[in-house]
C-alpha atoms as a PDB file:
ATOM      1  CA  UNK A   1     -12.207  -0.473 -10.670  1.00  0.00           C
ATOM      2  CA  UNK A   2     -12.243   0.250  -6.968  1.00  0.00           C
ATOM      3  CA  UNK A   3     -11.709   3.965  -6.531  1.00  0.00           C
ATOM      4  CA  UNK A   4      -9.115   4.649  -3.855  1.00  0.00           C
ATOM      5  CA  UNK A   5      -8.790   8.168  -2.512  1.00  0.00           C
ATOM      6  CA  UNK A   6      -5.128   9.057  -2.920  1.00  0.00           C
ATOM      7  CA  UNK A   7      -3.397  10.878  -0.071  1.00  0.00           C
ATOM      8  CA  UNK A   8      -0.775  12.074  -2.554  1.00  0.00           C
ATOM      9  CA  UNK A   9      -0.377  12.161  -6.314  1.00  0.00           C
ATOM     10  CA  UNK A  10       2.894  12.389  -8.204  1.00  0.00           C
ATOM     11  CA  UNK A  11       3.050  13.310 -11.901  1.00  0.00           C
ATOM     12  CA  UNK A  12       5.939  11.525 -13.598  1.00  0.00           C
ATOM     13  CA  UNK A  13       4.467  11.505 -17.104  1.00  0.00           C
ATOM     14  CA  UNK A  14       7.573  13.121 -18.609  1.00  0.00           C
ATOM     15  CA  UNK A  15      10.080  11.066 -16.584  1.00  0.00           C
ATOM     16  CA  UNK A  16      11.826   7.810 -17.605  1.00  0.00           C
ATOM     17  CA  UNK A  17      13.392   4.915 -15.696  1.00  0.00           C
ATOM     18  CA  UNK A  18      15.135   4.864 -13.287  1.00  0.00           C
ATOM     19  CA  UNK A  19      13.910   8.336 -12.236  1.00  0.00           C
ATOM     20  CA  UNK A  20      10.283   7.201 -12.140  1.00  0.00           C
ATOM     21  CA  UNK A  21      11.047   4.627  -9.439  1.00  0.00           C
ATOM     22  CA  UNK A  22      13.467   6.875  -7.526  1.00  0.00           C
ATOM     23  CA  UNK A  23      10.952   9.735  -7.373  1.00  0.00           C
ATOM     24  CA  UNK A  24       8.103   7.349  -6.481  1.00  0.00           C
ATOM     25  CA  UNK A  25      10.195   5.872  -3.671  1.00  0.00           C
ATOM     26  CA  UNK A  26      11.112   9.329  -2.323  1.00  0.00           C
ATOM     27  CA  UNK A  27       7.423  10.285  -2.329  1.00  0.00           C
ATOM     28  CA  UNK A  28       6.488   7.098  -0.446  1.00  0.00           C
ATOM     29  CA  UNK A  29       9.201   7.751   2.166  1.00  0.00           C
ATOM     30  CA  UNK A  30       7.467  11.033   3.080  1.00  0.00           C
ATOM     31  CA  UNK A  31       4.151   9.282   3.682  1.00  0.00           C
ATOM     32  CA  UNK A  32       2.657   7.492   6.687  1.00  0.00           C
ATOM     33  CA  UNK A  33       2.038   3.733   6.691  1.00  0.00           C
ATOM     34  CA  UNK A  34      -1.296   2.929   5.083  1.00  0.00           C
ATOM     35  CA  UNK A  35      -1.481   6.117   3.037  1.00  0.00           C
ATOM     36  CA  UNK A  36      -2.166   5.854  -0.682  1.00  0.00           C
ATOM     37  CA  UNK A  37       0.018   7.268  -3.453  1.00  0.00           C
ATOM     38  CA  UNK A  38      -1.115   7.632  -7.045  1.00  0.00           C
ATOM     39  CA  UNK A  39       1.735   7.671  -9.559  1.00  0.00           C
ATOM     40  CA  UNK A  40       1.116   8.939 -13.098  1.00  0.00           C
ATOM     41  CA  UNK A  41       3.554   7.449 -15.620  1.00  0.00           C
ATOM     42  CA  UNK A  42       4.024   8.158 -19.313  1.00  0.00           C
ATOM     43  CA  UNK A  43       5.682   5.071 -20.755  1.00  0.00           C
ATOM     44  CA  UNK A  44       5.194   1.303 -20.725  1.00  0.00           C
ATOM     45  CA  UNK A  45       8.686   0.576 -19.376  1.00  0.00           C
ATOM     46  CA  UNK A  46       7.980   2.616 -16.240  1.00  0.00           C
ATOM     47  CA  UNK A  47       4.459   1.175 -15.994  1.00  0.00           C
ATOM     48  CA  UNK A  48       6.040  -2.275 -15.859  1.00  0.00           C
ATOM     49  CA  UNK A  49       9.096  -1.523 -13.697  1.00  0.00           C
ATOM     50  CA  UNK A  50       7.710   0.867 -11.072  1.00  0.00           C
ATOM     51  CA  UNK A  51       5.001  -1.470  -9.677  1.00  0.00           C
ATOM     52  CA  UNK A  52       7.447  -4.396  -9.582  1.00  0.00           C
ATOM     53  CA  UNK A  53      10.115  -2.334  -7.780  1.00  0.00           C
ATOM     54  CA  UNK A  54       7.604  -0.875  -5.319  1.00  0.00           C
ATOM     55  CA  UNK A  55       6.323  -4.377  -4.564  1.00  0.00           C
ATOM     56  CA  UNK A  56       9.909  -5.522  -3.882  1.00  0.00           C
ATOM     57  CA  UNK A  57      10.230  -2.611  -1.428  1.00  0.00           C
ATOM     58  CA  UNK A  58       7.331  -4.144   0.524  1.00  0.00           C
ATOM     59  CA  UNK A  59       4.569  -1.715  -0.427  1.00  0.00           C
ATOM     60  CA  UNK A  60       1.190  -2.884  -1.747  1.00  0.00           C
ATOM     61  CA  UNK A  61       0.415  -2.167  -5.391  1.00  0.00           C
ATOM     62  CA  UNK A  62      -3.367  -1.714  -5.416  1.00  0.00           C
ATOM     63  CA  UNK A  63      -3.823  -1.184  -9.154  1.00  0.00           C
ATOM     64  CA  UNK A  64      -2.154  -0.387 -12.459  1.00  0.00           C
ATOM     65  CA  UNK A  65      -4.493   1.216 -14.960  1.00  0.00           C
ATOM     66  CA  UNK A  66      -4.073   2.783 -18.379  1.00  0.00           C
ATOM     67  CA  UNK A  67      -6.711   5.503 -18.751  1.00  0.00           C
ATOM     68  CA  UNK A  68      -5.327   6.557 -22.138  1.00  0.00           C
ATOM     69  CA  UNK A  69      -2.464   5.847 -24.491  1.00  0.00           C
ATOM     70  CA  UNK A  70       0.925   6.741 -22.974  1.00  0.00           C
ATOM     71  CA  UNK A  71      -0.615   7.292 -19.530  1.00  0.00           C
ATOM     72  CA  UNK A  72      -0.582   4.755 -16.705  1.00  0.00           C
ATOM     73  CA  UNK A  73      -1.788   5.266 -13.147  1.00  0.00           C
ATOM     74  CA  UNK A  74      -0.215   3.126 -10.429  1.00  0.00           C
ATOM     75  CA  UNK A  75      -1.945   3.196  -7.048  1.00  0.00           C
ATOM     76  CA  UNK A  76       0.143   2.108  -4.058  1.00  0.00           C
ATOM     77  CA  UNK A  77      -0.463   1.720  -0.314  1.00  0.00           C
ATOM     78  CA  UNK A  78       2.589   2.540   1.772  1.00  0.00           C
ATOM     79  CA  UNK A  79       3.786  -0.304   3.974  1.00  0.00           C
END
């Protein structure tokens, strides 16, 4: 695992789709190009959908990790 220093972190552990993507996208829009956002998600549906949707938006998904059950961490570099 390559440790990326996140410029921002957003905790969406209690959120569900589509709010997880909407809130992730809003967070990314406030960031500068090249900055890194770490998104904490609490369900497998979001862990699958959020990285795919962010990729379609043109941002770079650096990693998707599951540090524990019902907790995924998606690391993204803003385009």
